Each structure stands twice: as structure tokens, then as C-alpha cells.
Amino acid sequence: MKITLNGQSYELQAGATVADLVRLRQESGHLTTSAYAVERNKEVCLRPHHAATALKEGDQVEVVVMV
């Protein structure tokens, strides 16, 4: 499935959740801090909801790192 991640096309397995995306970004070295926030389709996705929030084809996701 394709989503848009931080303005770029990004491919994920069908059924992936926000938690899966965060884990993949951490494993790849693109997310190296615990100070981040996730926005899905212009709505903040709180960490307690990451595992239960399924991503869908065409979702717009922003992962923002706090500085």
C-alpha cells in the first residue's frame, strides 16, 4: 500500500499501523529520537493509539521530530 510520508511516496504492507511505521523508521535510522509526533490525515495520532491506528492507501502521514 502507498501512503505519503513527510511529502514523499512511501510503500508499506497492507494492514500496517502507525506503530509499524514508527518501528520501520526507527530500524532504518530515519527516526532516532523518542521526541516525535505523528499526524495522520491532518489529525494528531497520540502514542497510546499508534498500535490500533491502521494506515490506509493514500493516507497522508507526517512524522515530526521535536528539537
Protein backbone atom coordinates (compact mmCIF):
# COMPACT_ATOMS: atom_id res chain seq x y z
CA MET A 1 0.00 0.00 0.00
CA LYS A 2 1.19 3.53 -0.73
CA ILE A 3 0.97 6.42 1.68
CA THR A 4 2.54 9.85 1.65
CA LEU A 5 5.11 10.22 4.42
CA ASN A 6 6.50 13.69 5.03
CA GLY A 7 5.59 14.66 1.47
CA GLN A 8 7.17 11.59 -0.16
CA SER A 9 5.58 8.44 -1.53
CA TYR A 10 6.18 5.53 0.86
CA GLU A 11 5.34 1.85 0.46
CA LEU A 12 4.04 -0.26 3.37
CA GLN A 13 2.48 -3.69 3.74
CA ALA A 14 -1.31 -3.71 3.76
CA GLY A 15 -2.66 -3.61 7.30
CA ALA A 16 0.30 -1.66 8.68
CA THR A 17 -0.36 0.55 11.70
CA VAL A 18 1.17 3.82 12.83
CA ALA A 19 3.23 1.75 15.31
CA ASP A 20 4.57 -0.37 12.43
CA LEU A 21 5.56 2.75 10.51
CA VAL A 22 7.34 4.24 13.53
CA ARG A 23 9.20 0.96 14.13
CA LEU A 24 10.30 0.78 10.47
CA ARG A 25 11.53 4.38 10.58
CA GLN A 26 13.44 3.68 13.79
CA GLU A 27 15.01 0.49 12.41
CA SER A 28 16.10 2.28 9.23
CA GLY A 29 17.73 5.08 11.23
CA HIS A 30 15.37 7.78 9.96
CA LEU A 31 13.81 8.28 13.39
CA THR A 32 16.47 8.37 16.07
CA THR A 33 14.75 10.23 18.89
CA SER A 34 11.83 9.50 21.15
CA ALA A 35 10.76 13.15 20.89
CA TYR A 36 8.42 12.92 17.90
CA ALA A 37 4.77 13.31 16.97
CA VAL A 38 2.71 11.61 14.27
CA GLU A 39 -0.03 13.28 12.28
CA ARG A 40 -2.32 11.20 10.07
CA ASN A 41 -4.61 12.98 7.62
CA LYS A 42 -4.17 16.27 9.50
CA GLU A 43 -5.03 14.77 12.90
CA VAL A 44 -2.51 14.06 15.64
CA CYS A 45 -2.26 10.36 16.46
CA LEU A 46 -1.41 10.01 20.15
CA ARG A 47 1.11 7.32 21.10
CA PRO A 48 -1.37 5.19 23.05
CA HIS A 49 -3.30 4.85 19.76
CA HIS A 50 -0.38 4.03 17.43
CA ALA A 51 -0.83 0.25 17.56
CA ALA A 52 -4.59 0.46 16.98
CA THR A 53 -4.45 3.04 14.16
CA ALA A 54 -4.39 1.23 10.83
CA LEU A 55 -2.96 3.08 7.87
CA LYS A 56 -4.86 3.05 4.60
CA GLU A 57 -3.93 3.52 0.96
CA GLY A 58 -3.46 7.22 0.27
CA ASP A 59 -3.08 8.33 3.89
CA GLN A 60 -1.06 11.50 4.45
CA VAL A 61 1.34 11.00 7.35
CA GLU A 62 3.77 13.45 8.91
CA VAL A 63 6.34 12.37 11.48
CA VAL A 64 7.67 15.48 13.18
CA VAL A 65 10.77 15.47 15.36
CA MET A 66 10.91 17.83 18.30
CA VAL A 67 14.05 19.93 18.65
